[in-house]
Amino acid sequence: MEVTYRIIGVIHSPFKEPKGVPIQPSAARGVRGTVELFPEYSPGLKDIEGFSHIILIYHLHLAKPGKLLVRPYMDDEEHGVFATRAPSRPNPIGLSIVRLISVEGNVLHIEDVDIVDGTPLLDIKPYVPEFDIRTVERTGWLERNVHKLSETRDDGRFVKEEG
C-alpha cells in the first residue's frame, strides 16, 4: 500500500543545509524561524495562537534513503533505525516541538528550530503537556549519550547525494 501526503506549507530557518543543524529542538534553543502555511490552509490556524508550543510534522526531503541499521549522531555503534531519531528512515518523516512566538496571517513565527530551510510541512498539532509528557523508565542506548546533545550537530552523514 502506498500513502500520499499533501505539503501544506514550508518551514524556514537560518540553516541552508543539514550539516551543522542542531539535532533536536532542545539543542536549538533560541533559534528562530517561520512556518509559511499555504493560504488555502490558513483557516486551520484559528485559535493556534493560544498555544505556546506546537508540533511540526514534516518531510525530511534531503535525507538519503534509509537503512535499517544506522550509526546515529551521538554514538559510534550501529543501532536499529527505529531505536534512533536518524533522518534517513523508511519514511523520512520529521517531528519537532517548537515554541510558537506569534501568528501573522498564514505565517507562524517559531523558536527552537532544528529544521533545514525549505523543509516541506505535512502537519501542525498543538503541544499539550497533559497529552504528551510521560515519565519514562529508560531511554535505551541514549542514556549513556544524551549528555552530548547540546554540542552535537548534523555532520551530513544522512544527506542524499546530489545528481
Protein backbone atom coordinates (compact mmCIF):
# COMPACT_ATOMS: atom_id res chain seq x y z
CA MET A 1 0.00 0.00 0.00
CA GLU A 2 1.21 3.49 -0.78
CA VAL A 3 0.27 6.58 1.20
CA THR A 4 0.42 10.09 -0.24
CA TYR A 5 0.51 13.34 1.73
CA ARG A 6 -0.03 16.91 0.62
CA ILE A 7 2.51 19.52 1.57
CA ILE A 8 0.65 22.27 3.47
CA GLY A 9 3.49 24.77 3.78
CA VAL A 10 7.21 25.37 4.06
CA ILE A 11 9.44 25.73 7.13
CA HIS A 12 12.05 28.49 7.00
CA SER A 13 15.14 28.59 9.21
CA PRO A 14 18.66 30.02 9.24
CA PHE A 15 20.03 26.58 8.27
CA LYS A 16 20.61 26.40 4.50
CA GLU A 17 21.93 22.80 4.57
CA PRO A 18 21.68 19.89 7.01
CA LYS A 19 25.34 20.00 8.07
CA GLY A 20 25.64 21.97 11.31
CA VAL A 21 21.95 21.88 12.27
CA PRO A 22 21.22 21.08 15.95
CA ILE A 23 19.84 17.55 16.07
CA GLN A 24 16.87 18.22 18.38
CA PRO A 25 14.82 21.31 19.33
CA SER A 26 16.19 21.34 22.89
CA ALA A 27 19.68 21.84 21.40
CA ALA A 28 18.36 24.69 19.20
CA ARG A 29 17.12 26.96 22.00
CA GLY A 30 16.60 30.49 20.74
CA VAL A 31 16.97 29.63 17.03
CA ARG A 32 14.14 31.40 15.23
CA GLY A 33 12.33 30.53 12.05
CA THR A 34 8.94 30.70 10.39
CA VAL A 35 6.33 28.35 9.07
CA GLU A 36 4.69 29.60 5.90
CA LEU A 37 1.36 27.82 5.58
CA PHE A 38 -0.11 27.80 2.09
CA PRO A 39 -3.02 30.30 2.05
CA GLU A 40 -5.70 27.68 1.43
CA TYR A 41 -4.84 26.11 4.82
CA SER A 42 -4.94 29.41 6.78
CA PRO A 43 -8.42 28.81 8.25
CA GLY A 44 -6.91 25.82 10.06
CA LEU A 45 -4.80 28.19 12.16
CA LYS A 46 -7.84 29.55 14.03
CA ASP A 47 -7.08 29.57 17.80
CA ILE A 48 -3.49 28.26 17.40
CA GLU A 49 -2.09 31.46 19.00
CA GLY A 50 -3.45 30.17 22.33
CA PHE A 51 -0.70 27.52 22.43
CA SER A 52 2.87 28.26 23.48
CA HIS A 53 4.26 25.20 21.66
CA ILE A 54 3.31 23.30 18.52
CA ILE A 55 4.33 20.03 16.95
CA LEU A 56 5.58 20.28 13.38
CA ILE A 57 5.45 17.14 11.25
CA TYR A 58 7.49 17.41 8.09
CA HIS A 59 9.12 15.57 5.20
CA LEU A 60 12.89 15.12 5.54
CA HIS A 61 13.38 15.95 1.86
CA LEU A 62 17.19 15.98 1.97
CA ALA A 63 17.65 12.63 3.74
CA LYS A 64 19.17 9.80 1.76
CA PRO A 65 17.24 6.52 1.55
CA GLY A 66 17.04 4.82 4.90
CA LYS A 67 18.89 1.74 6.08
CA LEU A 68 17.63 -0.43 8.90
CA LEU A 69 20.94 -0.21 10.77
CA VAL A 70 22.39 3.26 11.29
CA ARG A 71 25.18 4.94 13.24
CA PRO A 72 23.34 7.86 14.89
CA TYR A 73 24.91 11.22 15.66
CA MET A 74 25.53 10.60 19.36
CA ASP A 75 27.05 7.12 19.20
CA ASP A 76 29.76 5.22 17.35
CA GLU A 77 27.81 1.96 17.28
CA GLU A 78 25.09 0.93 14.84
CA HIS A 79 21.52 0.70 16.11
CA GLY A 80 18.24 -0.25 14.50
CA VAL A 81 16.78 2.82 12.79
CA PHE A 82 13.63 2.55 14.92
CA ALA A 83 15.79 2.90 18.07
CA THR A 84 17.13 6.24 16.74
CA ARG A 85 15.90 9.58 15.50
CA ALA A 86 18.14 9.45 12.43
CA PRO A 87 16.60 11.31 9.46
CA SER A 88 17.25 8.52 6.94
CA ARG A 89 14.32 6.19 7.52
CA PRO A 90 11.93 4.01 5.51
CA ASN A 91 9.54 7.01 5.63
CA PRO A 92 11.58 10.20 6.14
CA ILE A 93 9.15 11.95 8.47
CA GLY A 94 10.43 14.51 10.96
CA LEU A 95 8.79 15.77 14.14
CA SER A 96 9.79 18.79 16.20
CA ILE A 97 8.16 20.53 19.14
CA VAL A 98 8.83 24.26 18.77
CA ARG A 99 7.81 27.41 20.63
CA LEU A 100 5.12 29.45 18.89
CA ILE A 101 6.08 33.14 19.16
CA SER A 102 3.37 34.77 17.05
CA VAL A 103 0.98 34.36 14.14
CA GLU A 104 0.76 36.83 11.24
CA GLY A 105 -1.84 35.70 8.73
CA ASN A 106 -0.56 32.42 7.30
CA VAL A 107 2.94 32.77 8.84
CA LEU A 108 3.88 31.29 12.21
CA HIS A 109 6.95 32.73 13.94
CA ILE A 110 8.66 29.94 15.87
CA GLU A 111 11.68 29.33 18.08
CA ASP A 112 13.91 26.35 18.97
CA VAL A 113 14.13 25.33 15.30
CA ASP A 114 16.20 22.28 14.36
CA ILE A 115 14.96 22.11 10.76
CA VAL A 116 16.61 22.91 7.41
CA ASP A 117 15.30 25.92 5.49
CA GLY A 118 12.79 24.96 2.80
CA THR A 119 11.58 21.79 4.51
CA PRO A 120 8.08 20.72 3.34
CA LEU A 121 5.48 20.85 6.14
CA LEU A 122 2.97 17.98 6.42
CA ASP A 123 1.01 18.92 9.54
CA ILE A 124 0.82 21.06 12.68
CA LYS A 125 -0.60 19.93 16.01
CA PRO A 126 -0.82 21.75 19.34
CA TYR A 127 1.58 20.54 22.00
CA VAL A 128 -0.30 19.78 25.21
CA PRO A 129 1.88 18.51 28.09
CA GLU A 130 -1.01 16.63 29.70
CA PHE A 131 -1.43 14.69 26.44
CA ASP A 132 2.20 14.23 25.52
CA ILE A 133 4.50 14.05 28.55
CA ARG A 134 5.07 10.72 30.19
CA THR A 135 7.50 9.68 32.88
CA VAL A 136 9.84 7.19 31.26
CA GLU A 137 11.80 4.45 32.94
CA ARG A 138 14.58 4.06 30.38
CA THR A 139 15.92 5.64 27.21
CA GLY A 140 17.96 2.78 25.79
CA TRP A 141 21.41 3.41 24.35
CA LEU A 142 20.84 7.16 24.65
CA GLU A 143 21.12 7.01 28.45
CA ARG A 144 24.91 6.92 28.09
CA ASN A 145 24.99 9.55 25.31
CA VAL A 146 22.27 12.16 25.93
CA HIS A 147 24.82 14.45 27.60
CA LYS A 148 26.30 15.01 24.10
CA LEU A 149 23.10 16.63 22.78
CA SER A 150 23.97 20.29 23.31
CA GLU A 151 27.18 20.09 21.27
CA THR A 152 26.13 17.52 18.64
CA ARG A 153 25.27 18.83 15.17
CA ASP A 154 24.31 17.23 11.89
CA ASP A 155 27.54 16.16 10.18
CA GLY A 156 25.98 15.37 6.81
CA ARG A 157 26.05 11.58 7.09
CA PHE A 158 22.33 11.22 6.27
CA VAL A 159 22.13 13.67 3.34
CA LYS A 160 21.30 12.21 -0.05
CA GLU A 161 23.81 12.62 -2.82
CA GLU A 162 23.03 15.22 -5.46
CA GLY A 163 22.69 14.22 -9.04
